[in-house]
Amino acid sequence: MNRRLFFMTTLLPAALLLFCNSARAQANPPTREDVPPPYSDRFPRPAHDIPSPLPHRNAGRPHQSLTKEEKRLLAVPREDRDTYADFLRQKRTGLIRLLPRESFDRKLTLRGGGAYYSFVHREHQYGYGSDIELQGGHFSVGFAGADFGFLVDLGDTPLESVSAETDAVRSVADFETPSAEREAREIQQQLARGMGRHAATSPYRSRLPAVVGHTYVVRSVNYNRSDVLVAFRVLRQDENGSLLLLWKTLKEYTPPVLQRDTARR
């Protein structure tokens, strides 16, 4: 199936259908390197947001070690781990803390200030296939080059009940990641605008408010590195603004290889 046709004829109608159910209950866009993140009017673009060669998927764990303070800030209390022990015994699950970027970025030696996380590599350090970011009370996905992603807010849905077959998730789970750079960047732009003219009705975004007690699904595409579908629930927010997330991987896809558009160079 043509990927662009799939995106316009399957994903958008699904978004409109979801909106109706809940009611009853730009040419040649600039390259990603030229598009500032949506929060740039409040915070300067940090060094780790500037595109740079990323380590290969199989490069292993990063060499940067955490300081004692960073370990303390990112630590998950034992009582929380005990509470969700049964859930965490399942494969491809986890319990993590995200720090708000506006409070900790550039104040820690950890690249990204603990605001990012890779569910594939289980790594907070930015640049190792980061799949999620916490900044300004919002979650974001898609951070460098042609990388992009979908975020869906499922509301107060039990995490245990969410799968790749969940109605609100199926279209995102079945989406075929394009290999052509031009297609990837078109999807980036549509997601950044909340699906264009359907912004008011579409539940698919690249940035959504972070709400305690809500369950989310993220499909994160990191070219030449990873493509993953993850469900996570926001358990609580602590005094320093950090969020505790319980998560599980729904599906991993073959890492997509980006075919560069040489005409844009």
Protein backbone atom coordinates (compact mmCIF):
# COMPACT_ATOMS: atom_id res chain seq x y z
CA MET A 1 0.00 0.00 0.00
CA ASN A 2 1.25 3.47 -0.85
CA ARG A 3 2.37 4.86 2.54
CA ARG A 4 1.19 8.38 1.82
CA LEU A 5 -2.22 7.09 0.74
CA PHE A 6 -2.37 4.97 3.92
CA PHE A 7 -1.58 8.01 6.03
CA MET A 8 -4.26 10.19 4.45
CA THR A 9 -7.00 7.57 3.93
CA THR A 10 -6.61 5.40 7.02
CA LEU A 11 -5.03 7.39 9.85
CA LEU A 12 -7.04 10.59 9.36
CA PRO A 13 -10.46 8.86 9.02
CA ALA A 14 -9.66 6.84 12.14
CA ALA A 15 -8.94 10.07 14.01
CA LEU A 16 -12.23 11.60 12.90
CA LEU A 17 -14.16 8.44 13.87
CA LEU A 18 -12.65 8.52 17.36
CA PHE A 19 -13.62 12.13 17.78
CA CYS A 20 -17.24 11.49 16.73
CA ASN A 21 -17.53 8.59 19.15
CA SER A 22 -16.19 10.68 22.04
CA ALA A 23 -18.60 13.49 21.22
CA ARG A 24 -21.46 11.15 21.62
CA ALA A 25 -20.12 9.89 24.99
CA GLN A 26 2.36 24.19 3.26
CA ALA A 27 4.58 23.69 0.33
CA ASN A 28 8.22 22.51 0.61
CA PRO A 29 8.43 22.68 4.37
CA PRO A 30 11.81 23.52 5.82
CA THR A 31 14.07 20.67 6.85
CA ARG A 32 13.89 19.41 10.43
CA GLU A 33 17.20 21.08 11.21
CA ASP A 34 15.58 24.45 10.37
CA VAL A 35 12.40 23.92 12.39
CA PRO A 36 12.75 24.97 16.05
CA PRO A 37 10.94 22.88 18.66
CA PRO A 38 7.55 24.25 19.77
CA TYR A 39 9.00 25.49 23.06
CA SER A 40 11.85 27.54 21.57
CA ASP A 41 10.13 30.81 22.36
CA ARG A 42 10.76 30.13 26.06
CA PHE A 43 13.99 28.15 26.13
CA PRO A 44 17.09 28.40 23.95
CA ARG A 45 17.83 25.45 21.72
CA PRO A 46 20.21 23.29 23.77
CA ALA A 47 23.36 21.80 22.33
CA HIS A 48 21.87 18.31 22.38
CA ASP A 49 19.03 19.42 20.06
CA ILE A 50 21.49 20.39 17.33
CA PRO A 51 21.69 17.53 14.80
CA SER A 52 24.85 15.50 15.13
CA PRO A 53 25.97 11.99 14.16
CA LEU A 54 24.31 9.53 16.50
CA PRO A 55 25.82 6.26 17.68
CA HIS A 56 24.86 3.15 15.74
CA ARG A 57 21.97 1.09 17.15
CA ASN A 58 24.42 -1.65 18.09
CA ALA A 59 26.99 0.69 19.59
CA GLY A 60 26.04 -0.55 23.08
CA ARG A 61 25.43 1.40 26.25
CA PRO A 62 26.63 5.03 26.39
CA HIS A 63 29.89 5.69 28.17
CA GLN A 64 28.55 8.60 30.23
CA SER A 65 28.05 7.52 33.84
CA LEU A 66 25.55 9.16 36.16
CA THR A 67 26.62 11.22 39.13
CA LYS A 68 25.26 10.40 42.59
CA GLU A 69 22.89 13.37 42.34
CA GLU A 70 21.60 12.27 38.95
CA LYS A 71 21.01 8.75 40.23
CA ARG A 72 19.12 10.20 43.18
CA LEU A 73 16.95 12.40 40.99
CA LEU A 74 16.08 9.58 38.58
CA ALA A 75 15.61 6.89 41.22
CA VAL A 76 12.25 5.14 41.56
CA PRO A 77 11.28 4.51 45.21
CA ARG A 78 11.35 0.90 46.36
CA GLU A 79 7.73 1.09 47.48
CA ASP A 80 6.66 1.92 43.92
CA ARG A 81 8.62 -1.00 42.54
CA ASP A 82 7.04 -3.25 45.14
CA THR A 83 3.56 -1.99 44.27
CA TYR A 84 4.01 -2.85 40.59
CA ALA A 85 6.24 -5.90 41.09
CA ASP A 86 3.85 -8.30 39.33
CA PHE A 87 3.56 -6.02 36.31
CA LEU A 88 7.33 -5.52 36.14
CA ARG A 89 7.92 -9.28 36.05
CA GLN A 90 6.53 -9.25 32.53
CA LYS A 91 8.94 -8.88 29.64
CA ARG A 92 9.56 -5.48 28.07
CA THR A 93 8.09 -3.45 30.93
CA GLY A 94 9.56 -0.77 33.16
CA LEU A 95 9.05 1.95 35.74
CA ILE A 96 10.95 5.20 35.17
CA ARG A 97 11.11 8.83 36.20
CA LEU A 98 11.30 11.72 33.74
CA LEU A 99 12.62 15.11 34.87
CA PRO A 100 11.14 18.31 33.41
CA ARG A 101 13.57 19.69 30.88
CA GLU A 102 12.98 23.32 31.83
CA SER A 103 14.15 22.60 35.38
CA PHE A 104 17.11 20.27 34.85
CA ASP A 105 18.53 20.65 31.35
CA ARG A 106 22.09 22.08 31.45
CA LYS A 107 22.05 21.79 35.23
CA LEU A 108 23.08 18.14 35.12
CA THR A 109 25.95 16.47 33.31
CA LEU A 110 23.44 13.96 31.90
CA ARG A 111 22.79 14.89 28.28
CA GLY A 112 19.17 16.04 28.09
CA GLY A 113 18.81 16.58 31.85
CA GLY A 114 16.85 13.37 32.44
CA ALA A 115 13.92 14.65 30.35
CA TYR A 116 14.34 11.99 27.65
CA TYR A 117 14.04 8.22 27.56
CA SER A 118 14.64 5.42 25.07
CA PHE A 119 12.34 2.46 25.69
CA VAL A 120 14.43 0.31 23.35
CA HIS A 121 17.78 1.04 25.00
CA ARG A 122 16.35 1.82 28.47
CA GLU A 123 18.44 4.95 28.52
CA HIS A 124 17.80 8.51 29.75
CA GLN A 125 20.76 10.04 27.95
CA TYR A 126 19.66 12.01 24.92
CA GLY A 127 20.91 10.75 21.57
CA TYR A 128 20.48 7.01 22.02
CA GLY A 129 17.21 6.62 20.18
CA SER A 130 15.20 8.85 22.53
CA ASP A 131 11.47 8.07 22.26
CA ILE A 132 9.89 10.54 24.68
CA GLU A 133 10.57 13.94 26.21
CA LEU A 134 8.99 15.81 29.14
CA GLN A 135 9.06 19.58 28.77
CA GLY A 136 6.73 22.36 29.83
CA GLY A 137 4.09 19.93 31.07
CA HIS A 138 3.97 18.12 27.73
CA PHE A 139 5.22 14.87 26.21
CA SER A 140 6.93 15.05 22.83
CA VAL A 141 8.27 12.52 20.32
CA GLY A 142 10.60 12.92 17.32
CA PHE A 143 13.71 15.01 18.00
CA ALA A 144 16.33 14.97 15.25
CA GLY A 145 16.68 14.70 11.49
CA ALA A 146 13.73 12.96 9.86
CA ASP A 147 12.70 11.10 13.04
CA PHE A 148 9.04 11.42 13.99
CA GLY A 149 6.37 9.77 16.07
CA PHE A 150 2.73 9.58 17.12
CA LEU A 151 1.33 10.22 20.58
CA VAL A 152 -2.19 9.16 21.57
CA ASP A 153 -3.87 10.04 24.89
CA LEU A 154 -6.14 7.17 25.96
CA GLY A 155 -7.35 8.94 29.08
CA ASP A 156 -7.91 6.94 32.25
CA THR A 157 -7.49 3.55 30.56
CA PRO A 158 -5.87 0.71 32.52
CA LEU A 159 -2.40 0.09 31.13
CA GLU A 160 -2.94 -3.67 31.36
CA SER A 161 -5.83 -3.49 28.89
CA VAL A 162 -3.90 -1.67 26.14
CA SER A 163 -2.51 -3.63 23.20
CA ALA A 164 -1.63 -3.06 19.56
CA GLU A 165 -5.20 -4.19 18.79
CA THR A 166 -6.87 -1.53 20.95
CA ASP A 167 -9.21 0.50 18.71
CA ALA A 168 -7.47 3.82 19.31
CA VAL A 169 -4.06 2.23 18.76
CA ARG A 170 -4.58 -0.03 15.74
CA SER A 171 -4.04 2.60 13.04
CA VAL A 172 -0.80 3.74 14.65
CA ALA A 173 0.34 0.15 15.14
CA ASP A 174 -0.37 -0.74 11.49
CA PHE A 175 1.23 2.39 10.07
CA GLU A 176 3.98 1.57 7.58
CA THR A 177 7.05 3.70 8.20
CA PRO A 178 8.24 5.31 4.97
CA SER A 179 11.85 5.02 3.92
CA ALA A 180 11.83 8.12 1.71
CA GLU A 181 13.03 11.26 3.49
CA ARG A 182 10.46 13.48 1.75
CA GLU A 183 7.57 11.36 3.04
CA ALA A 184 9.00 11.32 6.55
CA ARG A 185 9.29 15.10 6.64
CA GLU A 186 5.76 15.57 5.31
CA ILE A 187 4.49 13.41 8.18
CA GLN A 188 6.59 15.46 10.63
CA GLN A 189 4.96 18.67 9.48
CA GLN A 190 1.43 17.27 9.63
CA LEU A 191 1.95 15.91 13.12
CA ALA A 192 3.53 19.14 14.34
CA ARG A 193 0.38 20.95 13.21
CA GLY A 194 -1.93 18.34 14.74
CA MET A 195 -2.87 16.76 11.40
CA GLY A 196 -3.35 20.05 9.55
CA ARG A 197 -6.95 21.11 9.06
CA HIS A 198 -8.03 18.24 11.32
CA ALA A 199 -6.10 19.68 14.27
CA ALA A 200 -9.21 20.19 16.38
CA THR A 201 -10.41 16.60 15.95
CA SER A 202 -7.32 14.45 15.58
CA PRO A 203 -6.05 12.52 18.64
CA TYR A 204 -2.73 11.88 16.88
CA ARG A 205 -0.03 14.40 17.75
CA SER A 206 3.71 14.63 18.25
CA ARG A 207 3.15 16.68 21.43
CA LEU A 208 0.45 16.26 24.09
CA PRO A 209 -0.20 17.53 27.63
CA ALA A 210 1.14 15.22 30.35
CA VAL A 211 -1.76 14.35 32.67
CA VAL A 212 -1.42 12.31 35.84
CA GLY A 213 -3.67 9.25 35.70
CA HIS A 214 -3.75 9.11 31.89
CA THR A 215 -2.44 6.31 29.72
CA TYR A 216 -0.64 7.11 26.46
CA VAL A 217 0.65 5.26 23.44
CA VAL A 218 3.73 6.42 21.55
CA ARG A 219 4.97 5.15 18.20
CA SER A 220 8.53 6.42 17.93
CA VAL A 221 10.49 6.21 14.68
CA ASN A 222 14.26 6.71 14.92
CA TYR A 223 15.71 6.11 11.48
CA ASN A 224 18.57 3.63 11.21
CA ARG A 225 18.04 2.80 14.88
CA SER A 226 14.59 1.78 16.12
CA ASP A 227 10.84 1.81 15.53
CA VAL A 228 8.77 0.98 18.60
CA LEU A 229 5.20 1.09 19.92
CA VAL A 230 4.93 1.65 23.68
CA ALA A 231 2.07 2.23 26.12
CA PHE A 232 2.74 4.11 29.35
CA ARG A 233 0.76 5.48 32.28
CA VAL A 234 1.54 8.58 34.33
CA LEU A 235 1.38 7.41 37.94
CA ARG A 236 2.11 10.69 39.70
CA GLN A 237 3.99 13.98 39.71
CA ASP A 238 6.45 14.69 42.52
CA GLU A 239 7.37 18.03 44.06
CA ASN A 240 10.27 18.70 41.68
CA GLY A 241 7.93 18.34 38.69
CA SER A 242 9.19 14.90 37.72
CA LEU A 243 6.76 12.25 36.51
CA LEU A 244 6.72 8.55 37.33
CA LEU A 245 5.83 6.41 34.31
CA LEU A 246 4.88 2.73 34.18
CA TRP A 247 5.34 1.36 30.67
CA LYS A 248 5.24 -1.69 28.44
CA THR A 249 6.38 -2.31 24.88
CA LEU A 250 3.51 -3.32 22.60
CA LYS A 251 5.53 -3.96 19.46
CA GLU A 252 8.99 -3.50 17.97
CA TYR A 253 9.47 -3.10 14.23
CA THR A 254 12.46 -3.57 11.97
CA PRO A 255 14.58 -0.40 12.30
CA PRO A 256 13.81 1.70 9.20
CA VAL A 257 16.59 2.83 6.89
CA LEU A 258 16.21 6.41 5.63
CA GLN A 259 16.68 7.05 1.94
CA ARG A 260 18.01 10.58 1.76
CA ASP A 261 16.44 13.06 -0.64
CA THR A 262 19.53 14.33 -2.43
CA ALA A 263 17.50 17.01 -4.20
CA ARG A 264 17.02 18.77 -0.85
CA ARG A 265 20.76 18.96 -0.15
